Protein backbone atom coordinates (compact mmCIF):
# COMPACT_ATOMS: atom_id res chain seq x y z
CA HIS A 1 128.59 31.11 84.33
CA GLY A 2 132.21 31.17 85.46
CA TYR A 3 134.64 29.86 88.08
CA LYS A 4 134.32 30.59 91.79
CA PHE A 5 137.55 32.18 93.04
CA LYS A 6 138.55 32.49 96.70
CA TYR A 7 141.43 34.87 97.41
CA THR A 8 142.86 37.34 99.95
CA LEU A 9 144.40 40.65 98.89
CA THR A 10 146.98 42.74 100.76
CA SER A 11 147.23 46.40 99.79
CA ALA A 12 150.31 48.65 99.99
CA SER A 13 149.01 49.98 103.35
CA GLY A 14 148.97 46.47 104.82
CA ALA A 15 145.15 46.15 104.86
CA THR A 16 143.77 42.75 103.85
CA SER A 17 140.45 41.77 102.30
CA THR A 18 139.03 38.33 101.48
CA HIS A 19 136.97 37.75 98.36
CA SER A 20 134.78 34.91 97.04
CA SER A 21 133.33 35.65 93.63
CA VAL A 22 132.37 34.00 90.35
CA ASN A 23 134.38 35.35 87.41
CA LEU A 24 135.06 34.41 83.81
CA GLY A 25 138.74 34.80 84.57
CA LEU A 26 141.29 36.36 86.89
CA SER A 27 144.88 37.45 86.27
CA VAL A 28 147.77 38.93 88.24
CA GLY A 29 150.16 41.26 86.45
CA VAL A 30 152.97 43.72 86.99
CA THR A 31 153.36 44.97 83.39
CA GLN A 32 151.28 46.74 80.81
CA HIS A 33 151.26 43.89 78.30
CA TRP A 34 149.56 40.50 78.10
CA THR A 35 150.70 39.97 74.51
CA ASP A 36 152.33 42.05 71.78
CA THR A 37 149.00 43.76 71.09
CA MET A 38 147.14 43.65 74.43
CA ARG A 39 147.92 45.96 77.34
CA PRO A 40 145.03 45.84 79.81
CA ALA A 41 147.00 47.72 82.48
CA PRO A 42 148.46 50.79 80.75
CA GLN A 43 149.19 52.55 84.07
CA ALA A 44 151.24 49.64 85.44
CA GLN A 45 154.86 50.50 86.30
CA LEU A 46 157.58 47.92 86.73
CA ASP A 47 159.07 49.72 89.72
CA ASP A 48 156.05 51.04 91.65
CA GLY A 49 156.07 48.19 94.16
CA VAL A 50 152.51 47.03 93.48
CA MET A 51 150.88 44.49 91.19
CA GLU A 52 147.36 44.36 89.82
CA VAL A 53 144.65 41.72 90.17
CA HIS A 54 142.30 41.85 87.19
CA SER A 55 138.86 40.20 87.28
CA VAL A 56 136.75 39.50 84.19
CA LEU A 57 133.26 39.64 85.66
CA SER A 58 130.68 36.98 84.84
CA GLY A 59 127.52 39.10 85.08
CA ALA A 60 128.12 41.31 82.05
CA ALA A 61 126.10 41.08 78.85
CA VAL A 62 127.73 39.36 75.88
CA GLY A 63 128.02 42.60 73.95
CA ASP A 64 129.66 44.46 76.85
CA THR A 65 132.15 41.63 77.38
CA LEU A 66 133.12 41.46 73.70
CA ALA A 67 133.45 45.24 73.45
CA GLY A 68 135.51 45.25 76.63
CA PHE A 69 137.98 42.69 75.35
CA LEU A 70 138.49 44.77 72.22
CA GLN A 71 139.26 47.78 74.41
CA LEU A 72 141.93 45.82 76.32
CA ALA A 73 144.20 46.01 73.29
CA THR A 74 144.94 49.69 73.92
CA GLY A 75 143.99 50.03 77.55
CA ALA A 76 140.99 52.09 76.47
CA HIS A 77 138.82 50.36 79.07
CA THR A 78 140.51 52.42 81.79
CA GLU A 79 138.86 55.54 80.37
CA ASN A 80 135.51 53.86 79.70
CA PRO A 81 132.88 54.68 82.36
CA GLU A 82 131.06 51.43 81.47
CA ALA A 83 134.12 49.22 82.06
CA HIS A 84 132.95 48.26 85.54
CA LYS A 85 130.32 46.05 83.94
CA PHE A 86 132.92 43.52 82.80
CA TRP A 87 136.26 44.43 84.42
CA LYS A 88 137.64 45.11 87.87
CA THR A 89 141.23 46.01 88.84
CA GLU A 90 142.72 46.10 92.35
CA LYS A 91 146.29 47.14 93.24
CA VAL A 92 148.00 44.95 95.84
CA VAL A 93 151.42 43.86 97.10
CA SER A 94 150.38 40.20 97.59
CA VAL A 95 147.50 37.88 96.77
CA GLU A 96 146.75 34.44 98.25
CA PHE A 97 144.47 31.98 96.40
CA GLU A 98 142.64 29.10 98.05
CA PHE A 99 141.64 26.13 95.87
CA ASP A 100 139.59 23.00 96.49
CA GLY A 101 142.75 20.88 96.57
CA PRO A 102 146.31 20.48 95.23
CA GLY A 103 147.00 21.48 91.64
CA VAL A 104 149.37 23.23 89.27
CA PHE A 105 149.80 26.72 87.87
CA ASN A 106 151.76 28.29 85.04
CA ILE A 107 154.31 31.10 85.32
CA ASP A 108 155.59 32.13 81.88
CA GLY A 109 155.54 28.53 80.68
CA GLU A 110 156.92 26.96 83.88
CA ILE A 111 154.56 24.50 85.59
CA VAL A 112 154.62 24.71 89.41
CA GLU A 113 152.66 22.56 91.86
CA HIS A 114 150.70 23.90 94.84
CA ASP A 115 149.06 22.19 97.84
CA GLY A 116 145.69 23.98 97.64
CA LYS A 117 146.98 27.43 98.55
CA LEU A 118 149.05 29.78 96.44
CA LYS A 119 150.51 33.10 97.59
CA LEU A 120 152.11 35.60 95.23
CA THR A 121 154.16 38.47 96.67
CA LEU A 122 155.78 41.28 94.71
CA LYS A 123 159.49 42.03 95.15
CA PRO A 124 159.94 45.56 93.80
CA ARG A 125 162.99 46.56 91.76
CA ASP A 126 164.28 42.99 91.60
CA LEU A 127 164.69 42.95 87.79
CA GLU A 128 165.88 45.58 85.36
CA VAL A 129 164.10 45.75 82.00
CA CYS A 130 165.38 47.74 79.06
CA VAL A 131 163.08 48.88 76.25
CA SER A 132 163.70 50.58 72.95
CA GLU A 133 162.73 54.15 72.12
CA GLU A 134 160.15 52.79 69.66
CA GLU A 135 158.50 50.92 72.53
CA LEU A 136 158.26 54.08 74.58
CA ASP A 137 156.86 56.00 71.62
CA TRP A 138 154.21 53.34 71.08
CA VAL A 139 152.84 53.68 74.64
CA CYS A 140 150.26 56.46 74.90
CA PRO A 141 147.73 57.47 77.54
CA ALA A 142 144.46 55.58 77.38
CA SER A 143 142.60 58.91 77.35
CA GLU A 144 144.01 59.60 73.89
CA VAL A 145 142.64 56.28 72.64
CA MET A 146 139.17 57.08 73.97
CA GLU A 147 139.24 60.55 72.44
CA GLU A 148 140.02 59.02 69.05
CA TYR A 149 137.26 56.44 69.54
CA ALA A 150 134.77 59.19 70.36
CA GLU A 151 135.58 60.80 66.99
CA ARG A 152 135.54 57.62 64.87
CA GLY A 153 133.10 55.38 66.74
CA PRO A 154 133.05 51.57 66.77
CA SER A 155 133.64 49.64 63.53
CA TRP A 156 130.71 47.22 64.07
CA LYS A 157 127.70 47.06 66.35
CA ALA A 158 124.50 45.01 66.80
CA ALA A 159 121.63 47.25 65.70
CA PRO A 160 118.69 47.45 68.17
CA GLU A 161 116.16 47.47 65.30
CA ARG A 162 117.31 44.06 64.00
CA TRP A 163 114.33 42.26 65.56
CA ARG A 164 111.94 44.64 63.81
CA MET A 165 113.47 43.71 60.45
CA LEU A 166 112.97 40.05 61.27
CA TRP A 167 109.32 40.62 62.21
CA ILE A 168 108.55 42.52 59.00
CA PHE A 169 110.18 39.80 56.91
CA GLY A 170 108.09 37.16 58.70
CA LEU A 171 104.87 39.07 58.02
CA GLY A 172 105.34 38.78 54.26
CA CYS A 173 106.90 35.34 54.23
CA ILE A 174 104.15 33.66 56.24
CA VAL A 175 101.32 34.81 53.99
CA ASN A 176 103.24 33.82 50.86
CA GLN A 177 103.71 30.28 52.18
CA ALA A 178 100.07 30.13 53.29
CA ILE A 179 99.05 30.96 49.71
CA TRP A 180 101.32 28.16 48.44
CA ILE A 181 99.85 25.33 50.47
CA GLY A 182 96.33 26.59 51.21
CA PHE A 183 94.43 24.38 48.76
CA SER A 184 96.35 21.12 49.29
CA PRO A 185 94.58 19.93 52.48
CA VAL A 186 91.13 20.36 50.82
CA GLN A 187 91.83 18.84 47.41
CA THR A 188 88.46 17.06 47.18
CA GLU A 189 86.48 20.23 47.98
CA MET A 190 88.45 22.24 45.40
CA MET A 191 87.84 19.60 42.72
CA ALA A 192 84.11 19.81 43.32
CA ARG A 193 83.93 23.59 43.65
CA CYS A 194 85.99 24.45 40.58
CA ASP A 195 85.09 21.34 38.53
CA VAL A 196 88.75 20.41 37.97
CA SER A 197 90.97 17.33 38.29
CA SER A 198 93.27 16.44 41.16
CA THR A 199 96.23 17.24 38.92
CA TRP A 200 94.89 20.78 38.42
CA VAL A 201 94.51 21.29 42.17
CA ASN A 202 98.01 19.90 42.76
CA PHE A 203 99.40 22.41 40.26
CA LEU A 204 98.17 25.28 42.45
CA SER A 205 100.94 24.19 44.82
CA LEU A 206 103.24 22.65 42.23
CA SER A 207 103.44 26.01 40.42
CA PHE A 208 105.50 27.33 43.34
CA MET A 209 108.00 24.51 42.86
CA VAL A 210 108.14 24.80 39.07
CA LEU A 211 108.53 28.59 38.99
CA TYR A 212 110.96 28.70 41.89
CA ILE A 213 113.87 27.58 39.73
CA PRO A 214 113.66 30.29 37.01
CA ALA A 215 112.69 32.96 39.55
CA SER A 216 115.37 32.06 42.08
CA PHE A 217 118.39 33.46 40.23
CA PRO A 218 116.86 36.93 39.64
CA ALA A 219 115.73 36.96 43.27
CA SER A 220 119.20 35.97 44.50
CA TYR A 221 120.80 38.60 42.26
CA VAL A 222 118.54 41.36 43.57
CA THR A 223 119.09 40.28 47.19
CA ASP A 224 122.88 39.99 47.03
CA VAL A 225 123.58 42.94 44.73
CA PHE A 226 120.87 45.49 45.57
CA GLY A 227 120.19 44.47 49.17
CA GLY A 228 117.47 43.06 51.37
CA ARG A 229 115.06 46.00 51.16
CA SER A 230 114.88 45.89 47.34
CA ALA A 231 114.37 42.13 47.41
CA LEU A 232 111.67 42.21 50.07
CA LEU A 233 109.84 45.02 48.27
CA CYS A 234 109.81 42.91 45.08
CA GLY A 235 108.49 39.96 47.06
CA VAL A 236 105.67 41.68 48.95
CA VAL A 237 104.49 43.68 45.92
CA LEU A 238 104.38 40.61 43.64
CA ASN A 239 102.62 38.66 46.38
CA LEU A 240 99.98 41.38 46.81
CA VAL A 241 99.36 41.59 43.06
CA GLY A 242 98.90 37.82 42.85
CA ALA A 243 96.61 37.75 45.90
CA ILE A 244 94.41 40.47 44.37
CA VAL A 245 94.17 38.62 41.05
CA ARG A 246 93.10 35.45 42.89
CA ALA A 247 90.31 37.37 44.63
CA VAL A 248 88.94 39.29 41.62
CA LEU A 249 86.41 36.53 40.90
CA PRO A 250 84.84 34.15 43.43
CA LEU A 251 86.07 30.57 43.44
CA GLY A 252 84.31 28.51 40.82
CA PRO A 253 84.62 26.71 37.48
CA GLY A 254 85.64 28.10 34.11
CA VAL A 255 87.15 31.59 33.96
CA ASN A 256 87.04 31.87 37.74
CA SER A 257 89.33 28.88 38.18
CA TRP A 258 91.82 30.15 35.61
CA THR A 259 91.90 33.59 37.24
CA LEU A 260 92.77 31.80 40.47
CA MET A 261 95.59 29.96 38.70
CA VAL A 262 97.04 33.19 37.22
CA GLY A 263 97.09 34.83 40.63
CA GLN A 264 98.70 31.73 42.12
CA VAL A 265 101.45 31.86 39.48
CA ILE A 266 102.20 35.53 40.28
CA CYS A 267 102.46 34.67 43.99
CA ALA A 268 104.75 31.78 43.07
CA LEU A 269 107.12 34.22 41.34
CA SER A 270 107.45 36.15 44.59
CA GLN A 271 108.39 33.09 46.69
CA PRO A 272 112.21 33.13 46.13
CA PHE A 273 112.40 36.71 47.38
CA PHE A 274 111.27 35.35 50.76
CA THR A 275 112.80 31.87 50.94
CA ASN A 276 116.26 33.00 49.80
CA MET A 277 116.52 35.78 52.36
CA PRO A 278 116.90 34.20 55.87
CA PRO A 279 120.71 33.78 55.84
CA LYS A 280 121.13 37.22 54.27
CA LEU A 281 118.95 38.80 56.95
CA ALA A 282 120.85 36.99 59.71
CA MET A 283 124.27 37.92 58.29
CA VAL A 284 123.52 41.60 57.69
CA TRP A 285 121.55 42.42 60.84
CA PHE A 286 122.69 40.07 63.62
CA PRO A 287 125.95 39.60 65.56
CA GLY A 288 127.66 36.23 65.37
CA TYR A 289 126.26 34.85 68.62
CA GLN A 290 122.66 35.49 67.44
CA ARG A 291 123.05 34.55 63.77
CA ALA A 292 122.00 30.90 64.04
CA ILE A 293 118.87 31.71 66.04
CA ALA A 294 117.98 34.60 63.70
CA ASP A 295 118.35 32.34 60.67
CA SER A 296 116.22 29.72 62.41
CA ILE A 297 113.46 32.20 63.25
CA ALA A 298 113.42 33.55 59.69
CA SER A 299 113.40 30.02 58.26
CA MET A 300 110.63 29.03 60.66
CA CYS A 301 108.50 31.76 59.11
CA ILE A 302 108.57 29.63 55.95
CA ILE A 303 107.38 26.62 57.91
CA LEU A 304 104.93 28.61 60.03
CA GLY A 305 103.38 29.93 56.83
CA SER A 306 102.81 26.35 55.69
CA GLY A 307 101.15 25.58 59.03
CA VAL A 308 98.89 28.61 58.70
CA GLY A 309 98.07 27.47 55.16
CA PHE A 310 96.98 24.06 56.47
CA ILE A 311 94.67 25.63 59.04
CA MET A 312 93.11 28.54 57.09
CA PRO A 313 90.88 26.63 54.61
CA THR A 314 89.13 24.62 57.30
CA ALA A 315 89.05 27.45 59.87
CA LEU A 316 87.87 30.24 57.55
CA GLY A 317 86.43 28.55 54.48
CA LEU A 318 87.99 28.75 51.03
CA GLN A 319 86.54 32.05 49.84
CA THR A 320 87.14 33.89 53.12
CA MET A 321 90.71 32.56 53.15
CA VAL A 322 91.40 34.14 49.77
CA TYR A 323 90.13 37.55 50.95
CA VAL A 324 92.06 37.41 54.25
CA GLN A 325 95.27 36.66 52.36
CA VAL A 326 94.76 39.82 50.27
CA GLY A 327 94.49 41.97 53.39
CA TRP A 328 97.49 40.29 55.01
CA SER A 329 99.57 40.83 51.86
CA ALA A 330 98.62 44.52 51.84
CA PHE A 331 99.78 44.94 55.44
CA ALA A 332 103.11 43.33 54.52
CA VAL A 333 103.62 45.89 51.72
CA VAL A 334 102.84 48.84 54.01
CA PHE A 335 105.21 47.73 56.77
CA THR A 336 108.01 46.95 54.30
CA VAL A 337 107.76 50.33 52.57
CA LEU A 338 107.64 52.32 55.81
CA LEU A 339 109.89 50.43 58.21
CA PHE A 340 112.21 47.90 56.54
CA LYS A 341 115.83 49.05 56.08
CA ASP A 342 118.43 47.61 53.74
CA HIS A 343 121.22 47.40 56.35
CA PRO A 344 122.15 48.84 59.77
CA ASP A 345 124.20 52.00 60.09
CA LEU A 346 127.20 49.91 61.17
CA PRO A 347 128.02 46.30 60.22
CA SER A 348 126.53 43.90 62.76
CA ASN A 349 129.63 41.69 63.03
CA PRO A 350 133.28 41.57 61.88
CA ALA A 351 132.57 39.02 59.12
CA GLU A 352 129.89 41.26 57.63
CA GLN A 353 132.27 44.21 57.90
CA ALA A 354 134.89 42.26 55.97
CA HIS A 355 132.28 41.18 53.42
CA HIS A 356 131.25 44.81 52.84
CA GLN A 357 134.88 45.76 52.33
CA HIS A 358 135.45 42.77 50.07
CA GLY A 359 132.48 43.58 47.84
CA GLY A 360 130.37 41.08 45.98
CA HIS A 361 130.78 39.70 42.43
CA PHE A 362 127.67 37.67 41.71
CA LEU A 363 128.77 35.51 38.76
CA ALA A 364 132.25 34.82 40.14
CA GLU A 365 130.81 33.84 43.52
CA LEU A 366 128.19 31.64 41.86
CA LYS A 367 130.88 29.84 39.86
CA ASP A 368 132.91 29.32 43.03
CA ALA A 369 129.85 27.90 44.80
CA LEU A 370 129.09 25.42 42.01
CA THR A 371 132.63 24.01 42.19
CA ASN A 372 132.68 23.72 46.00
CA TRP A 373 132.16 20.03 46.78
CA ARG A 374 131.32 20.71 50.43
CA LEU A 375 128.49 22.95 49.29
CA ILE A 376 127.36 20.31 46.79
CA CYS A 377 127.01 17.83 49.68
CA ILE A 378 124.77 20.31 51.51
CA VAL A 379 122.69 20.88 48.37
CA VAL A 380 122.16 17.12 47.95
CA LEU A 381 121.20 16.44 51.58
CA PHE A 382 119.01 19.55 51.73
CA SER A 383 117.28 18.76 48.44
CA CYS A 384 116.52 15.15 49.32
CA VAL A 385 115.18 15.72 52.83
CA VAL A 386 113.38 19.04 52.30
CA GLY A 387 112.13 17.95 48.86
CA GLY A 388 110.63 14.82 50.41
CA PHE A 389 109.06 16.85 53.19
CA ASN A 390 107.54 19.33 50.71
CA THR A 391 106.05 16.46 48.75
CA ILE A 392 104.27 15.07 51.79
CA ALA A 393 103.05 18.58 52.67
CA THR A 394 101.74 19.17 49.15
CA LEU A 395 100.08 15.76 48.69
CA SER A 396 99.08 14.95 52.28
CA GLU A 397 95.48 14.18 51.37
CA GLU A 398 96.24 12.41 48.09
CA LEU A 399 98.83 10.11 49.69
CA THR A 400 96.67 9.06 52.65
CA GLN A 401 93.12 9.01 51.22
CA PRO A 402 93.49 5.63 49.44
CA TYR A 403 94.09 4.03 52.84
CA GLY A 404 90.94 5.44 54.44
CA PHE A 405 92.17 8.69 55.98
CA THR A 406 89.91 11.79 55.79
CA SER A 407 90.68 15.36 54.68
CA ASP A 408 90.56 16.59 58.28
CA GLN A 409 93.07 13.93 59.31
CA ALA A 410 95.34 14.92 56.40
CA SER A 411 95.19 18.54 57.56
CA ASN A 412 96.05 17.45 61.11
CA PHE A 413 99.05 15.51 59.80
CA GLY A 414 100.45 18.75 58.44
CA VAL A 415 99.92 20.57 61.72
CA PHE A 416 101.62 17.76 63.67
CA THR A 417 104.60 17.87 61.35
CA LEU A 418 104.99 21.63 61.59
CA VAL A 419 104.56 21.94 65.36
CA PHE A 420 107.26 19.36 66.04
CA GLY A 421 109.36 20.87 63.27
CA VAL A 422 109.43 24.24 65.02
CA LEU A 423 110.45 22.45 68.24
CA GLY A 424 113.23 20.60 66.40
CA ALA A 425 114.48 23.81 64.81
CA ALA A 426 114.72 25.47 68.23
CA VAL A 427 116.64 22.51 69.66
CA PHE A 428 119.14 22.12 66.84
CA ALA A 429 119.65 25.86 66.30
CA THR A 430 120.61 26.12 69.97
CA LEU A 431 123.01 23.17 69.65
CA VAL A 432 124.69 24.63 66.60
CA GLY A 433 124.89 28.06 68.22
CA TYR A 434 126.86 26.59 71.12
CA THR A 435 128.94 23.96 69.30
CA GLN A 436 129.24 25.08 65.64
CA LYS A 437 129.07 21.34 64.80
CA TYR A 438 127.00 21.56 61.63
CA LYS A 439 127.83 18.11 60.29
CA TYR A 440 126.83 16.19 63.41
CA CYS A 441 123.60 18.13 63.88
CA LEU A 442 122.67 17.67 60.21
CA LEU A 443 123.49 13.96 60.42
CA VAL A 444 121.24 13.51 63.45
CA CYS A 445 118.45 15.40 61.67
CA THR A 446 118.66 13.30 58.50
CA ILE A 447 118.71 10.02 60.45
CA ILE A 448 115.69 11.08 62.52
CA SER A 449 113.90 12.05 59.29
CA LEU A 450 114.62 8.69 57.68
CA VAL A 451 113.58 6.56 60.66
CA SER A 452 110.41 8.62 61.23
CA LEU A 453 109.42 8.47 57.57
CA LEU A 454 109.85 4.70 57.54
CA GLY A 455 107.57 4.46 60.59
CA ALA A 456 104.94 6.70 59.03
CA SER A 457 105.06 4.75 55.76
CA TYR A 458 104.52 1.45 57.55
CA SER A 459 101.61 2.86 59.58
CA VAL A 460 99.86 4.32 56.53
CA VAL A 461 100.26 1.35 54.18
CA TYR A 462 99.89 -1.59 56.56
CA LEU A 463 97.77 -0.26 59.44
CA GLY A 464 95.57 2.39 57.82
CA PRO A 465 93.28 4.48 60.09
CA LYS A 466 93.83 2.01 62.95
CA GLY A 467 97.45 3.08 62.98
CA ILE A 468 96.77 6.82 63.09
CA ALA A 469 98.84 7.16 66.27
CA GLY A 470 101.83 5.70 64.43
CA VAL A 471 101.24 8.04 61.49
CA ASN A 472 101.08 11.05 63.81
CA ALA A 473 104.25 9.96 65.63
CA GLY A 474 106.11 9.26 62.38
CA LEU A 475 105.17 12.56 60.76
CA ALA A 476 105.93 14.44 64.00
CA GLY A 477 109.39 12.84 63.96
CA LEU A 478 109.77 13.73 60.29
CA GLY A 479 109.01 17.35 61.10
CA PHE A 480 111.38 17.31 64.10
CA GLY A 481 114.23 16.06 61.90
CA ALA A 482 113.51 17.57 58.48
CA ILE A 483 112.45 21.13 59.27
CA PRO A 484 115.63 22.05 61.22
CA ILE A 485 117.60 21.18 58.09
CA ILE A 486 116.27 24.37 56.48
CA PRO A 487 117.97 26.87 58.84
CA LEU A 488 120.94 24.56 59.53
CA GLY A 489 121.46 24.02 55.81
CA PHE A 490 121.31 27.77 55.12
CA GLU A 491 123.87 28.53 57.83
CA ALA A 492 126.15 25.61 56.94
CA ALA A 493 126.14 26.66 53.28
CA VAL A 494 127.16 30.21 54.18
CA GLU A 495 129.89 28.87 56.47
CA VAL A 496 131.52 26.58 53.90
CA ALA A 497 131.04 28.80 50.81
CA TYR A 498 131.82 32.25 52.27
CA PRO A 499 131.99 34.90 50.80
CA THR A 500 129.42 33.78 48.20
CA GLY A 501 126.21 35.76 48.66
CA GLU A 502 123.81 34.36 51.22
CA ALA A 503 120.76 34.62 48.96
CA THR A 504 122.61 32.87 46.13
CA LEU A 505 123.43 29.94 48.42
CA SER A 506 119.94 29.64 49.87
CA GLY A 507 118.58 29.83 46.32
CA LEU A 508 120.74 26.87 45.29
CA LEU A 509 119.53 24.86 48.27
CA MET A 510 115.86 25.71 47.84
CA GLY A 511 116.13 25.22 44.08
CA GLY A 512 117.46 21.70 44.58
CA ALA A 513 114.64 20.95 47.03
CA GLN A 514 112.07 22.22 44.54
CA ILE A 515 113.49 20.03 41.75
CA ILE A 516 113.29 16.94 43.96
CA GLY A 517 109.81 18.01 45.05
CA ILE A 518 108.60 18.39 41.46
CA VAL A 519 109.97 14.97 40.48
CA LEU A 520 108.38 13.33 43.52
CA VAL A 521 105.00 15.01 42.96
CA LEU A 522 104.93 13.88 39.32
CA LEU A 523 105.98 10.35 40.34
CA CYS A 524 103.25 10.24 42.97
CA ASP A 525 100.65 11.29 40.40
CA ALA A 526 101.93 8.60 38.02
CA PHE A 527 101.80 5.98 40.79
CA LYS A 528 98.24 7.01 41.66
CA ASN A 529 97.06 6.80 38.05
CA SER A 530 98.66 3.36 37.83
CA GLY A 531 96.94 2.20 41.01
CA VAL A 532 100.24 1.68 42.86
CA ASP A 533 99.34 3.68 45.98
CA TRP A 534 102.11 2.20 48.12
CA ALA A 535 104.97 3.26 45.80
CA PRO A 536 105.32 6.88 47.08
CA TRP A 537 105.78 5.59 50.62
CA VAL A 538 108.74 3.50 49.41
CA THR A 539 110.23 6.12 47.07
CA MET A 540 110.47 8.96 49.59
CA PRO A 541 112.47 7.02 52.23
CA VAL A 542 114.93 6.05 49.49
CA VAL A 543 115.38 9.73 48.57
CA VAL A 544 115.89 10.71 52.21
CA PHE A 545 118.49 7.90 52.55
CA VAL A 546 120.50 9.57 49.77
CA GLY A 547 120.45 12.72 51.92
CA VAL A 548 121.87 10.71 54.84
CA LEU A 549 124.75 9.51 52.65
CA ALA A 550 125.51 13.07 51.51
CA THR A 551 125.63 14.18 55.14
CA VAL A 552 128.11 11.42 56.01
CA VAL A 553 130.66 12.65 53.42
CA PHE A 554 130.08 16.35 54.16
CA ASN A 555 133.07 18.32 55.54
CA ASP A 556 132.01 21.40 57.53
CA LYS A 557 135.25 23.42 57.34
CA ASN A 558 134.17 26.91 58.37
CA ARG A 559 135.23 29.65 55.94
CA ARG A 560 133.06 32.34 57.49
CA LEU A 561 134.45 31.77 60.99
CA ASP A 562 137.98 32.03 59.57
CA ALA A 563 137.02 35.31 57.90
CA GLN A 564 135.50 36.66 61.11
CA GLU A 565 138.62 35.78 63.12
CA ALA A 566 140.78 37.43 60.46
CA ALA A 567 138.56 40.51 60.60
CA LEU A 568 138.86 40.62 64.38
CA GLU A 569 142.66 40.36 64.15
CA GLU A 570 142.70 43.19 61.64
CA THR A 571 140.41 45.18 63.91
CA ASP A 572 142.71 44.60 66.89
CA LEU A 573 145.85 45.57 64.96
CA LYS A 574 144.51 48.52 62.97
CA HIS A 575 141.61 49.89 64.97
CA SER A 576 141.70 47.97 68.26
CA GLY A 577 137.98 47.51 67.77
CA MET A 578 137.56 51.09 68.98
CA GLY A 579 139.12 53.14 66.22
CA SER A 580 142.72 53.67 67.39
CA GLU A 581 145.73 53.06 65.20
CA ILE A 582 148.37 50.66 66.61
CA GLN A 583 151.75 50.24 65.04
CA PRO A 584 153.86 47.06 65.38
CA HIS A 585 156.60 47.35 67.97
CA PRO A 586 159.76 45.38 68.84
CA PRO A 587 159.73 42.88 71.71
CA LEU A 588 160.98 43.75 75.20
CA GLN A 589 164.69 43.22 75.79
CA LEU A 590 165.72 41.91 79.20
CA ALA A 591 169.06 43.00 80.67
């Protein structure tokens, strides 16, 4: 991407050359300085009779371009053998630009019109400029800057192993979520096999919601204070222990069923170590331009695990599913122990660098978060929409069976929801990555969720199996709108409540969703026992509507972006992004 420039250059020898290229930008200069702190042409002399045409090339990678701009502050790019990837300089005595038509250009604040062609010619020694001794002392050869950089290295860098960390996290997270939801799509079979009630089967999933709240704060504390590796180790080890306990005895009534429940409870205790981590993982390991997509991928592991949990009982059978989940959990432990690191050798982005320097104070940051009304809006909208979605995922069979839908159809509903949810997350994560408009994207998501849920409710209650196409479409729309709220909510919370720990914030969001989910599950059970099967399909749209209202009043003022810009300014002034010290200097004085 860029602008197509057409121009003709004349060198000091009188030779001319015509160029037509696509660049991010192009400038013409006769001095060392663009601003007080940027001197991209350190060799430029005011009296050498030539000027320089600088091109910012469009084909460079994002990282090379960002690193290059940081080097411009000291002129270090002139000693960088990789500078040609993003920067090109040509010395000329005149340059003539050709545009598509008439327009205007700016010379030091003065607006001048042109007729489609613009020619700039240098008149050497036409203006005397006086500078102070301090200004002369401040100017140093670019080679000295690069020598200092070679000794100190860059202050932040995107680590190449960041994608491996994301993959290892996903391995453990997916199996944990599969364990959570695995028995919900086959409630009737579990009731018969273990000789238990529907409430007992529901509690296999409900235990994850109930225990999330007390387990979330220790998990957030470990993640934010001791780091991601310690938290993930706690999660995968607890999950493996619970999976083993579930598999000690074959599925059946009596002691066997209670052994299953104990193992399920242990796995439930491990859940917050996974679900609270996506924004932390994205913040610590990924540069700013990849953070939203990294958070989305990590959050999608939560959803993907639910999808795997819907498929496993029917694809493998209940007993085989339990054994496969033990083996999967063991692999997650091995990979975490051997390959997962707490943090990269260098901070991945300026905001994370500033956060490391700032340090974390868990209780103080938690108090600040609980008094931040913008964050409270996110908690409310997240809790209502995600809590409603979790309820439908947990009770898919129970909510649809009274209207004639089968267990296989209930399982398919979950798959439909999750497939379109992953698609929605990809779409909205991309939009947020480009626009940073969290409020508008969240508002669109909540409205889509509400409209889709209303359509699904109507199709289930009034049309029954004849309206299965409407149910599929409504639940697909619900997934498309509701699931993206998980990564968007995580990122928005970190943006508005920075520097509160990422795991603490995601814990607050997920905790709110679990509370709403628990209340809705208990209400649905009460409605079922009272014979009011239609009531859940009215209650859940009302809850999602509250989420829409919270989104409307939400203000997405971006604290983290402000911190990152401040960190970049500090980097430019103190280290120039490349480790060199720059002292303030007086402005030029014209004689």
